[in-house]
Amino acid sequence: MSRIGKKPIPIPDGVKVKCDKDTVTIEGSKGTIVQPIHTLMKVEVDEAAKQFSVIRPSEERQCRELHGLTRTLLANNVHGVINEFSKALEIIGLGYNIKMQGEELILQLGFSHPINVKIPKDIKIEIQNQTNPGKFTVSGIDKQKVGQFAANIRRLRPPEPYKGKGVKYSDEIIRRKAGKAVASK
């Protein structure tokens, strides 16, 4: 039995969980998430104990693989509707900056043109500092969407190892390299 999959997920106060045949709807103070569930997995809600659990029908390989994954996705959704997930990023470089214009994020990352990134409707951006080092936070209730959007922004100009210029996570450590040594005569 999967150690992660067999753990029940507690339902905190203010969270409603509704199970259909192939989806689980989790509603909390920050929003609502509809999580599709694989047809092999079954979710049982225990209202009296204020918890729900994921049950697998057999010991087949695919069932074992999906058991822990399904439980983790649902636990992340419960956490997300109470406390949002967030990723903090920094933009480092001379002339690099970030600003919001309507539903778009406009990034100057050393290219000849600004980069416009459309912000998804369920993602929030909070800019702490626009210029060097530009600091901003990506947040939302869905852990996967927050992480993917932050990774897409980082991919536009990953940090380089010589001067450290680029977009990086705030807790990311960049291993710096020494530049070329000047040859003397």
N, C-alpha and C. Protein backbone atom coordinates (compact mmCIF):
# COMPACT_ATOMS: atom_id res chain seq x y z
N MET A 1 0.84 -1.18 0.00
CA MET A 1 0.00 0.00 0.00
C MET A 1 0.89 1.24 0.00
N SER A 2 0.52 2.23 -0.76
CA SER A 2 1.27 3.46 -0.85
C SER A 2 1.20 4.22 0.47
N ARG A 3 2.36 4.65 0.97
CA ARG A 3 2.38 5.38 2.23
C ARG A 3 1.69 6.74 2.09
N ILE A 4 1.90 7.38 0.97
CA ILE A 4 1.27 8.68 0.74
C ILE A 4 -0.20 8.49 0.39
N GLY A 5 -0.50 7.56 -0.47
CA GLY A 5 -1.86 7.37 -0.95
C GLY A 5 -2.85 6.95 0.11
N LYS A 6 -2.40 6.21 1.12
CA LYS A 6 -3.35 5.73 2.13
C LYS A 6 -3.67 6.76 3.21
N LYS A 7 -2.91 7.86 3.27
CA LYS A 7 -3.19 8.90 4.27
C LYS A 7 -4.48 9.62 3.92
N PRO A 8 -5.38 9.81 4.87
CA PRO A 8 -6.58 10.60 4.60
C PRO A 8 -6.23 12.09 4.54
N ILE A 9 -7.00 12.84 3.76
CA ILE A 9 -6.78 14.28 3.62
C ILE A 9 -7.79 14.98 4.53
N PRO A 10 -7.33 15.74 5.52
CA PRO A 10 -8.27 16.44 6.39
C PRO A 10 -8.96 17.59 5.65
N ILE A 11 -10.23 17.81 5.96
CA ILE A 11 -10.98 18.92 5.38
C ILE A 11 -11.04 20.02 6.42
N PRO A 12 -10.32 21.14 6.21
CA PRO A 12 -10.34 22.23 7.18
C PRO A 12 -11.70 22.94 7.19
N ASP A 13 -11.93 23.76 8.22
CA ASP A 13 -13.16 24.54 8.29
C ASP A 13 -13.21 25.52 7.12
N GLY A 14 -14.38 25.67 6.54
CA GLY A 14 -14.56 26.59 5.42
C GLY A 14 -14.27 25.99 4.06
N VAL A 15 -13.96 24.70 4.01
CA VAL A 15 -13.68 24.03 2.74
C VAL A 15 -14.79 23.02 2.48
N LYS A 16 -15.30 23.03 1.24
CA LYS A 16 -16.33 22.07 0.84
C LYS A 16 -15.75 21.17 -0.24
N VAL A 17 -15.96 19.86 -0.09
CA VAL A 17 -15.48 18.88 -1.05
C VAL A 17 -16.68 18.14 -1.60
N LYS A 18 -16.77 18.12 -2.95
CA LYS A 18 -17.88 17.42 -3.60
C LYS A 18 -17.30 16.46 -4.63
N CYS A 19 -17.70 15.20 -4.55
CA CYS A 19 -17.18 14.18 -5.46
C CYS A 19 -18.25 13.81 -6.49
N ASP A 20 -17.85 13.79 -7.74
CA ASP A 20 -18.66 13.25 -8.82
C ASP A 20 -17.96 11.98 -9.28
N LYS A 21 -18.41 11.43 -10.40
CA LYS A 21 -17.82 10.19 -10.88
C LYS A 21 -16.34 10.34 -11.24
N ASP A 22 -16.01 11.39 -12.01
CA ASP A 22 -14.63 11.54 -12.46
C ASP A 22 -14.02 12.90 -12.11
N THR A 23 -14.64 13.68 -11.23
CA THR A 23 -14.08 14.96 -10.79
C THR A 23 -14.31 15.15 -9.30
N VAL A 24 -13.43 15.93 -8.70
CA VAL A 24 -13.59 16.35 -7.32
C VAL A 24 -13.54 17.87 -7.32
N THR A 25 -14.57 18.50 -6.76
CA THR A 25 -14.64 19.95 -6.69
C THR A 25 -14.32 20.37 -5.26
N ILE A 26 -13.31 21.22 -5.12
CA ILE A 26 -12.89 21.70 -3.81
C ILE A 26 -13.10 23.21 -3.78
N GLU A 27 -13.91 23.66 -2.82
CA GLU A 27 -14.26 25.08 -2.73
C GLU A 27 -13.82 25.62 -1.39
N GLY A 28 -13.09 26.76 -1.41
CA GLY A 28 -12.61 27.38 -0.19
C GLY A 28 -12.72 28.88 -0.27
N SER A 29 -12.10 29.57 0.67
CA SER A 29 -12.19 31.03 0.75
C SER A 29 -11.48 31.73 -0.41
N LYS A 30 -10.45 31.14 -0.98
CA LYS A 30 -9.69 31.76 -2.06
C LYS A 30 -10.24 31.44 -3.45
N GLY A 31 -11.06 30.39 -3.58
CA GLY A 31 -11.61 30.03 -4.88
C GLY A 31 -12.04 28.57 -4.94
N THR A 32 -12.28 28.13 -6.17
CA THR A 32 -12.75 26.77 -6.40
C THR A 32 -11.84 26.09 -7.42
N ILE A 33 -11.51 24.83 -7.16
CA ILE A 33 -10.71 24.03 -8.09
C ILE A 33 -11.49 22.76 -8.41
N VAL A 34 -11.56 22.44 -9.70
CA VAL A 34 -12.16 21.19 -10.14
C VAL A 34 -11.02 20.30 -10.62
N GLN A 35 -10.81 19.19 -9.91
CA GLN A 35 -9.71 18.27 -10.23
C GLN A 35 -10.26 17.02 -10.90
N PRO A 36 -9.87 16.75 -12.15
CA PRO A 36 -10.30 15.49 -12.77
C PRO A 36 -9.58 14.31 -12.11
N ILE A 37 -10.29 13.22 -11.96
CA ILE A 37 -9.76 12.02 -11.32
C ILE A 37 -9.75 10.89 -12.34
N HIS A 38 -8.68 10.11 -12.35
CA HIS A 38 -8.59 8.96 -13.25
C HIS A 38 -9.72 7.97 -12.92
N THR A 39 -10.21 7.29 -13.94
CA THR A 39 -11.35 6.38 -13.75
C THR A 39 -11.03 5.20 -12.82
N LEU A 40 -9.77 4.85 -12.66
CA LEU A 40 -9.40 3.75 -11.77
C LEU A 40 -9.45 4.15 -10.30
N MET A 41 -9.33 5.44 -10.00
CA MET A 41 -9.31 5.90 -8.62
C MET A 41 -10.71 6.24 -8.12
N LYS A 42 -10.91 6.07 -6.82
CA LYS A 42 -12.19 6.37 -6.21
C LYS A 42 -11.93 7.25 -4.99
N VAL A 43 -12.73 8.30 -4.82
CA VAL A 43 -12.58 9.21 -3.70
C VAL A 43 -13.80 9.08 -2.80
N GLU A 44 -13.54 8.86 -1.50
CA GLU A 44 -14.62 8.74 -0.53
C GLU A 44 -14.51 9.86 0.49
N VAL A 45 -15.62 10.59 0.69
CA VAL A 45 -15.66 11.69 1.64
C VAL A 45 -16.34 11.22 2.92
N ASP A 46 -15.70 11.46 4.05
CA ASP A 46 -16.27 11.13 5.36
C ASP A 46 -16.59 12.46 6.05
N GLU A 47 -17.86 12.89 5.96
CA GLU A 47 -18.28 14.18 6.53
C GLU A 47 -18.15 14.19 8.05
N ALA A 48 -18.42 13.08 8.69
CA ALA A 48 -18.38 13.03 10.15
C ALA A 48 -16.95 13.24 10.68
N ALA A 49 -15.98 12.61 10.04
CA ALA A 49 -14.59 12.73 10.47
C ALA A 49 -13.89 13.93 9.84
N LYS A 50 -14.60 14.64 8.95
CA LYS A 50 -14.05 15.81 8.24
C LYS A 50 -12.74 15.46 7.51
N GLN A 51 -12.81 14.42 6.70
CA GLN A 51 -11.67 14.01 5.90
C GLN A 51 -12.15 13.23 4.69
N PHE A 52 -11.29 13.12 3.69
CA PHE A 52 -11.58 12.26 2.54
C PHE A 52 -10.33 11.52 2.16
N SER A 53 -10.53 10.39 1.46
CA SER A 53 -9.39 9.55 1.11
C SER A 53 -9.55 9.01 -0.31
N VAL A 54 -8.41 8.64 -0.86
CA VAL A 54 -8.36 8.06 -2.21
C VAL A 54 -8.19 6.56 -2.07
N ILE A 55 -9.04 5.82 -2.78
CA ILE A 55 -9.01 4.35 -2.70
C ILE A 55 -8.71 3.79 -4.08
N ARG A 56 -7.80 2.81 -4.10
CA ARG A 56 -7.50 2.15 -5.37
C ARG A 56 -8.17 0.78 -5.37
N PRO A 57 -8.66 0.37 -6.54
CA PRO A 57 -9.42 -0.88 -6.60
C PRO A 57 -8.57 -2.14 -6.57
N SER A 58 -7.33 -2.07 -7.05
CA SER A 58 -6.52 -3.28 -7.12
C SER A 58 -5.06 -2.95 -6.92
N GLU A 59 -4.23 -3.98 -6.97
CA GLU A 59 -2.79 -3.82 -6.79
C GLU A 59 -2.04 -3.81 -8.12
N GLU A 60 -2.74 -3.52 -9.22
CA GLU A 60 -2.08 -3.42 -10.52
C GLU A 60 -1.10 -2.25 -10.50
N ARG A 61 -0.12 -2.31 -11.39
CA ARG A 61 0.92 -1.29 -11.42
C ARG A 61 0.36 0.11 -11.65
N GLN A 62 -0.54 0.26 -12.61
CA GLN A 62 -1.10 1.57 -12.92
C GLN A 62 -1.89 2.13 -11.73
N CYS A 63 -2.61 1.29 -11.03
CA CYS A 63 -3.36 1.72 -9.85
C CYS A 63 -2.42 2.19 -8.75
N ARG A 64 -1.34 1.47 -8.55
CA ARG A 64 -0.36 1.87 -7.53
C ARG A 64 0.28 3.21 -7.90
N GLU A 65 0.57 3.39 -9.19
CA GLU A 65 1.18 4.65 -9.65
C GLU A 65 0.25 5.84 -9.42
N LEU A 66 -1.02 5.65 -9.71
CA LEU A 66 -1.99 6.75 -9.63
C LEU A 66 -2.43 7.06 -8.20
N HIS A 67 -2.27 6.12 -7.29
CA HIS A 67 -2.78 6.28 -5.93
C HIS A 67 -2.16 7.48 -5.20
N GLY A 68 -0.84 7.49 -5.10
CA GLY A 68 -0.15 8.59 -4.41
C GLY A 68 -0.28 9.90 -5.16
N LEU A 69 -0.23 9.84 -6.49
CA LEU A 69 -0.36 11.05 -7.30
C LEU A 69 -1.70 11.73 -7.08
N THR A 70 -2.78 10.95 -7.12
CA THR A 70 -4.12 11.51 -6.95
C THR A 70 -4.28 12.11 -5.57
N ARG A 71 -3.79 11.43 -4.56
CA ARG A 71 -3.89 11.95 -3.19
C ARG A 71 -3.13 13.26 -3.05
N THR A 72 -1.92 13.35 -3.62
CA THR A 72 -1.11 14.55 -3.53
C THR A 72 -1.75 15.72 -4.27
N LEU A 73 -2.30 15.47 -5.45
CA LEU A 73 -2.98 16.53 -6.20
C LEU A 73 -4.16 17.09 -5.41
N LEU A 74 -4.94 16.21 -4.79
CA LEU A 74 -6.09 16.67 -4.01
C LEU A 74 -5.65 17.42 -2.75
N ALA A 75 -4.59 16.95 -2.09
CA ALA A 75 -4.08 17.64 -0.90
C ALA A 75 -3.57 19.03 -1.27
N ASN A 76 -2.90 19.16 -2.43
CA ASN A 76 -2.43 20.46 -2.89
C ASN A 76 -3.60 21.38 -3.18
N ASN A 77 -4.68 20.85 -3.74
CA ASN A 77 -5.85 21.67 -4.03
C ASN A 77 -6.51 22.17 -2.75
N VAL A 78 -6.58 21.32 -1.73
CA VAL A 78 -7.14 21.75 -0.44
C VAL A 78 -6.28 22.86 0.15
N HIS A 79 -4.96 22.71 0.09
CA HIS A 79 -4.06 23.74 0.59
C HIS A 79 -4.21 25.04 -0.21
N GLY A 80 -4.37 24.92 -1.53
CA GLY A 80 -4.46 26.09 -2.40
C GLY A 80 -5.70 26.93 -2.20
N VAL A 81 -6.84 26.30 -1.88
CA VAL A 81 -8.07 27.09 -1.69
C VAL A 81 -8.10 27.77 -0.32
N ILE A 82 -7.18 27.40 0.57
CA ILE A 82 -7.08 28.08 1.87
C ILE A 82 -5.94 29.10 1.84
N ASN A 83 -4.74 28.64 1.54
CA ASN A 83 -3.55 29.50 1.43
C ASN A 83 -3.07 29.39 0.00
N GLU A 84 -2.93 30.50 -0.68
CA GLU A 84 -2.48 30.44 -2.08
C GLU A 84 -1.02 29.99 -2.16
N PHE A 85 -0.67 29.40 -3.31
CA PHE A 85 0.72 29.07 -3.60
C PHE A 85 1.36 30.29 -4.24
N SER A 86 2.66 30.48 -4.01
CA SER A 86 3.33 31.62 -4.63
C SER A 86 4.78 31.28 -4.95
N LYS A 87 5.28 31.95 -5.96
CA LYS A 87 6.68 31.82 -6.36
C LYS A 87 7.23 33.25 -6.49
N ALA A 88 8.35 33.53 -5.83
CA ALA A 88 8.98 34.84 -5.91
C ALA A 88 10.11 34.78 -6.94
N LEU A 89 10.15 35.77 -7.83
CA LEU A 89 11.17 35.83 -8.87
C LEU A 89 11.88 37.17 -8.83
N GLU A 90 13.10 37.19 -9.38
CA GLU A 90 13.89 38.42 -9.47
C GLU A 90 14.40 38.58 -10.88
N ILE A 91 14.47 39.83 -11.32
CA ILE A 91 15.06 40.16 -12.62
C ILE A 91 16.30 40.97 -12.34
N ILE A 92 17.47 40.45 -12.75
CA ILE A 92 18.74 41.10 -12.47
C ILE A 92 19.43 41.44 -13.78
N GLY A 93 19.81 42.70 -13.95
CA GLY A 93 20.53 43.13 -15.13
C GLY A 93 20.31 44.61 -15.38
N LEU A 94 21.29 45.27 -15.95
CA LEU A 94 21.21 46.69 -16.24
C LEU A 94 20.19 46.93 -17.34
N GLY A 95 19.20 47.75 -17.06
CA GLY A 95 18.15 48.04 -18.03
C GLY A 95 17.02 47.03 -18.04
N TYR A 96 17.12 45.99 -17.23
CA TYR A 96 16.04 45.00 -17.15
C TYR A 96 14.96 45.54 -16.23
N ASN A 97 13.70 45.43 -16.63
CA ASN A 97 12.61 45.85 -15.75
C ASN A 97 11.33 45.10 -16.09
N ILE A 98 10.34 45.30 -15.23
CA ILE A 98 9.06 44.62 -15.35
C ILE A 98 7.96 45.61 -15.01
N LYS A 99 6.85 45.53 -15.75
CA LYS A 99 5.67 46.34 -15.41
C LYS A 99 4.42 45.63 -15.91
N MET A 100 3.30 45.98 -15.29
CA MET A 100 2.01 45.42 -15.69
C MET A 100 1.25 46.46 -16.47
N GLN A 101 0.58 46.01 -17.53
CA GLN A 101 -0.25 46.90 -18.33
C GLN A 101 -1.52 46.13 -18.66
N GLY A 102 -2.58 46.40 -17.90
CA GLY A 102 -3.83 45.66 -18.08
C GLY A 102 -3.65 44.21 -17.67
N GLU A 103 -3.92 43.30 -18.59
CA GLU A 103 -3.80 41.86 -18.34
C GLU A 103 -2.49 41.29 -18.88
N GLU A 104 -1.50 42.16 -19.11
CA GLU A 104 -0.22 41.71 -19.65
C GLU A 104 0.93 42.13 -18.75
N LEU A 105 1.96 41.33 -18.76
CA LEU A 105 3.21 41.61 -18.07
C LEU A 105 4.20 42.03 -19.15
N ILE A 106 4.81 43.20 -19.01
CA ILE A 106 5.76 43.68 -20.01
C ILE A 106 7.16 43.62 -19.40
N LEU A 107 8.02 42.83 -20.04
CA LEU A 107 9.37 42.60 -19.52
C LEU A 107 10.41 43.17 -20.49
N GLN A 108 11.35 43.92 -19.96
CA GLN A 108 12.53 44.37 -20.72
C GLN A 108 13.68 43.51 -20.21
N LEU A 109 14.18 42.61 -21.07
CA LEU A 109 15.20 41.66 -20.63
C LEU A 109 16.47 41.72 -21.47
N GLY A 110 16.80 42.91 -21.98
CA GLY A 110 18.03 43.07 -22.74
C GLY A 110 17.90 42.76 -24.21
N PHE A 111 16.71 42.44 -24.68
CA PHE A 111 16.49 42.23 -26.09
C PHE A 111 16.17 43.58 -26.74
N SER A 112 16.08 43.63 -28.06
CA SER A 112 15.79 44.87 -28.76
C SER A 112 14.32 45.27 -28.65
N HIS A 113 13.51 44.40 -28.08
CA HIS A 113 12.08 44.63 -27.99
C HIS A 113 11.56 44.18 -26.62
N PRO A 114 10.48 44.78 -26.15
CA PRO A 114 9.89 44.28 -24.89
C PRO A 114 9.15 42.97 -25.14
N ILE A 115 9.04 42.16 -24.10
CA ILE A 115 8.34 40.88 -24.20
C ILE A 115 7.02 41.02 -23.44
N ASN A 116 5.92 40.76 -24.12
CA ASN A 116 4.59 40.83 -23.52
C ASN A 116 4.12 39.41 -23.20
N VAL A 117 3.74 39.20 -21.94
CA VAL A 117 3.26 37.90 -21.50
C VAL A 117 1.85 38.08 -20.96
N LYS A 118 0.90 37.35 -21.53
CA LYS A 118 -0.49 37.43 -21.07
C LYS A 118 -0.62 36.67 -19.75
N ILE A 119 -1.23 37.32 -18.78
CA ILE A 119 -1.41 36.71 -17.46
C ILE A 119 -2.70 35.90 -17.46
N PRO A 120 -2.65 34.61 -17.12
CA PRO A 120 -3.88 33.81 -17.03
C PRO A 120 -4.83 34.39 -15.98
N LYS A 121 -6.12 34.13 -16.15
CA LYS A 121 -7.13 34.75 -15.28
C LYS A 121 -7.04 34.30 -13.82
N ASP A 122 -6.52 33.10 -13.55
CA ASP A 122 -6.45 32.62 -12.17
C ASP A 122 -5.08 32.80 -11.53
N ILE A 123 -4.21 33.61 -12.15
CA ILE A 123 -2.88 33.91 -11.62
C ILE A 123 -2.82 35.40 -11.27
N LYS A 124 -2.22 35.70 -10.11
CA LYS A 124 -2.05 37.09 -9.69
C LYS A 124 -0.56 37.42 -9.66
N ILE A 125 -0.22 38.61 -10.12
CA ILE A 125 1.16 39.09 -10.11
C ILE A 125 1.24 40.28 -9.19
N GLU A 126 2.22 40.28 -8.30
CA GLU A 126 2.44 41.42 -7.41
C GLU A 126 3.89 41.86 -7.60
N ILE A 127 4.08 43.11 -8.04
CA ILE A 127 5.42 43.63 -8.31
C ILE A 127 5.89 44.43 -7.09
N GLN A 128 7.02 44.03 -6.49
CA GLN A 128 7.58 44.75 -5.35
C GLN A 128 8.55 45.83 -5.81
N ASN A 129 9.35 45.53 -6.84
CA ASN A 129 10.34 46.47 -7.36
C ASN A 129 10.43 46.29 -8.87
N GLN A 130 10.33 47.38 -9.64
CA GLN A 130 10.29 47.25 -11.09
C GLN A 130 11.66 47.13 -11.73
N THR A 131 12.67 47.79 -11.15
CA THR A 131 13.99 47.81 -11.79
C THR A 131 15.00 47.01 -11.00
N ASN A 132 16.25 47.09 -11.40
CA ASN A 132 17.33 46.24 -10.94
C ASN A 132 17.51 46.24 -9.44
N PRO A 133 17.40 45.17 -8.70
CA PRO A 133 16.80 43.92 -9.15
C PRO A 133 15.28 43.99 -9.07
N GLY A 134 14.63 43.66 -10.17
CA GLY A 134 13.17 43.63 -10.21
C GLY A 134 12.66 42.44 -9.43
N LYS A 135 11.75 42.70 -8.51
CA LYS A 135 11.21 41.60 -7.69
C LYS A 135 9.70 41.55 -7.88
N PHE A 136 9.20 40.34 -8.11
CA PHE A 136 7.76 40.16 -8.25
C PHE A 136 7.38 38.75 -7.79
N THR A 137 6.08 38.59 -7.49
CA THR A 137 5.57 37.33 -6.98
C THR A 137 4.42 36.86 -7.85
N VAL A 138 4.46 35.58 -8.22
CA VAL A 138 3.38 34.93 -8.96
C VAL A 138 2.61 34.10 -7.95
N SER A 139 1.28 34.29 -7.85
CA SER A 139 0.51 33.53 -6.88
C SER A 139 -0.82 33.09 -7.47
N GLY A 140 -1.39 32.05 -6.87
CA GLY A 140 -2.67 31.51 -7.31
C GLY A 140 -3.03 30.29 -6.48
N ILE A 141 -4.22 29.74 -6.73
CA ILE A 141 -4.68 28.60 -5.93
C ILE A 141 -4.24 27.26 -6.49
N ASP A 142 -3.85 27.21 -7.77
CA ASP A 142 -3.44 25.95 -8.40
C ASP A 142 -1.91 25.89 -8.45
N LYS A 143 -1.33 24.95 -7.72
CA LYS A 143 0.13 24.85 -7.61
C LYS A 143 0.79 24.62 -8.97
N GLN A 144 0.19 23.79 -9.80
CA GLN A 144 0.77 23.48 -11.11
C GLN A 144 0.79 24.71 -12.00
N LYS A 145 -0.29 25.48 -12.03
CA LYS A 145 -0.36 26.67 -12.89
C LYS A 145 0.59 27.76 -12.43
N VAL A 146 0.72 27.94 -11.12
CA VAL A 146 1.65 28.94 -10.59
C VAL A 146 3.08 28.57 -10.95
N GLY A 147 3.45 27.32 -10.73
CA GLY A 147 4.81 26.87 -11.06
C GLY A 147 5.11 26.93 -12.54
N GLN A 148 4.14 26.58 -13.38
CA GLN A 148 4.35 26.60 -14.82
C GLN A 148 4.48 28.02 -15.34
N PHE A 149 3.66 28.95 -14.84
CA PHE A 149 3.74 30.34 -15.29
C PHE A 149 5.08 30.96 -14.86
N ALA A 150 5.51 30.68 -13.62
CA ALA A 150 6.81 31.19 -13.15
C ALA A 150 7.95 30.60 -13.99
N ALA A 151 7.87 29.33 -14.33
CA ALA A 151 8.91 28.69 -15.15
C ALA A 151 8.93 29.27 -16.56
N ASN A 152 7.74 29.59 -17.11
CA ASN A 152 7.68 30.19 -18.44
C ASN A 152 8.33 31.57 -18.45
N ILE A 153 8.14 32.36 -17.39
CA ILE A 153 8.77 33.67 -17.32
C ILE A 153 10.28 33.51 -17.17
N ARG A 154 10.71 32.58 -16.33
CA ARG A 154 12.15 32.35 -16.14
C ARG A 154 12.81 31.89 -17.43
N ARG A 155 12.08 31.12 -18.23
CA ARG A 155 12.63 30.59 -19.47
C ARG A 155 12.93 31.69 -20.50
N LEU A 156 12.28 32.86 -20.38
CA LEU A 156 12.50 33.95 -21.33
C LEU A 156 13.95 34.43 -21.31
N ARG A 157 14.58 34.47 -20.12
CA ARG A 157 15.99 34.85 -20.00
C ARG A 157 16.55 34.20 -18.74
N PRO A 158 16.97 32.92 -18.84
CA PRO A 158 17.52 32.24 -17.66
C PRO A 158 18.79 32.94 -17.18
N PRO A 159 19.11 32.85 -15.90
CA PRO A 159 20.30 33.53 -15.39
C PRO A 159 21.57 32.92 -15.98
N GLU A 160 22.50 33.79 -16.34
CA GLU A 160 23.76 33.29 -16.90
C GLU A 160 24.83 33.28 -15.81
N PRO A 161 25.82 32.39 -15.92
CA PRO A 161 26.75 32.16 -14.81
C PRO A 161 27.87 33.18 -14.64
N TYR A 162 28.08 34.09 -15.59
CA TYR A 162 29.21 35.01 -15.50
C TYR A 162 28.87 36.27 -14.72
N LYS A 163 27.79 36.95 -15.06
CA LYS A 163 27.38 38.15 -14.34
C LYS A 163 26.12 37.93 -13.52
N GLY A 164 25.43 36.81 -13.74
CA GLY A 164 24.21 36.52 -13.01
C GLY A 164 22.98 37.23 -13.54
N LYS A 165 23.07 37.78 -14.76
CA LYS A 165 21.94 38.51 -15.34
C LYS A 165 20.86 37.54 -15.81
N GLY A 166 19.61 37.96 -15.66
CA GLY A 166 18.50 37.15 -16.13
C GLY A 166 17.38 37.10 -15.12
N VAL A 167 16.43 36.18 -15.36
CA VAL A 167 15.29 35.98 -14.45
C VAL A 167 15.57 34.74 -13.62
N LYS A 168 15.48 34.88 -12.30
CA LYS A 168 15.74 33.75 -11.42
C LYS A 168 14.72 33.73 -10.29
N TYR A 169 14.56 32.54 -9.68
CA TYR A 169 13.74 32.44 -8.48
C TYR A 169 14.50 33.14 -7.35
N SER A 170 13.79 33.73 -6.40
CA SER A 170 14.46 34.48 -5.34
C SER A 170 15.32 33.60 -4.45
N ASP A 171 14.96 32.33 -4.30
CA ASP A 171 15.76 31.43 -3.47
C ASP A 171 16.77 30.61 -4.27
N GLU A 172 16.87 30.87 -5.57
CA GLU A 172 17.78 30.12 -6.44
C GLU A 172 19.20 30.65 -6.27
N ILE A 173 20.16 29.75 -6.21
CA ILE A 173 21.56 30.12 -6.09
C ILE A 173 22.23 29.86 -7.44
N ILE A 174 22.85 30.88 -7.98
CA ILE A 174 23.51 30.77 -9.28
C ILE A 174 24.99 30.52 -9.05
N ARG A 175 25.48 29.41 -9.55
CA ARG A 175 26.91 29.12 -9.44
C ARG A 175 27.65 29.98 -10.44
N ARG A 176 28.47 30.87 -9.93
CA ARG A 176 29.17 31.83 -10.78
C ARG A 176 30.47 31.24 -11.30
N LYS A 177 30.82 31.62 -12.52
CA LYS A 177 32.06 31.21 -13.14
C LYS A 177 33.00 32.40 -13.24
N ALA A 178 34.30 32.14 -13.24
CA ALA A 178 35.27 33.20 -13.43
C ALA A 178 35.34 33.53 -14.91
N GLY A 179 35.50 34.77 -15.22
CA GLY A 179 35.63 35.18 -16.62
C GLY A 179 37.01 34.87 -17.15
N LYS A 180 37.26 35.29 -18.39
CA LYS A 180 38.58 35.07 -18.98
C LYS A 180 39.61 35.95 -18.29
N ALA A 181 40.76 35.37 -18.02
CA ALA A 181 41.84 36.15 -17.40
C ALA A 181 42.52 36.99 -18.47
N VAL A 182 42.92 38.20 -18.11
CA VAL A 182 43.58 39.10 -19.07
C VAL A 182 45.03 38.64 -19.21
N ALA A 183 45.45 38.43 -20.46
CA ALA A 183 46.82 37.96 -20.72
C ALA A 183 47.78 39.13 -20.62
N SER A 184 48.86 38.95 -19.90
CA SER A 184 49.84 40.02 -19.76
C SER A 184 51.08 39.68 -20.56
N LYS A 185 51.80 40.71 -21.06
CA LYS A 185 53.00 40.48 -21.87
C LYS A 185 54.24 40.51 -21.06
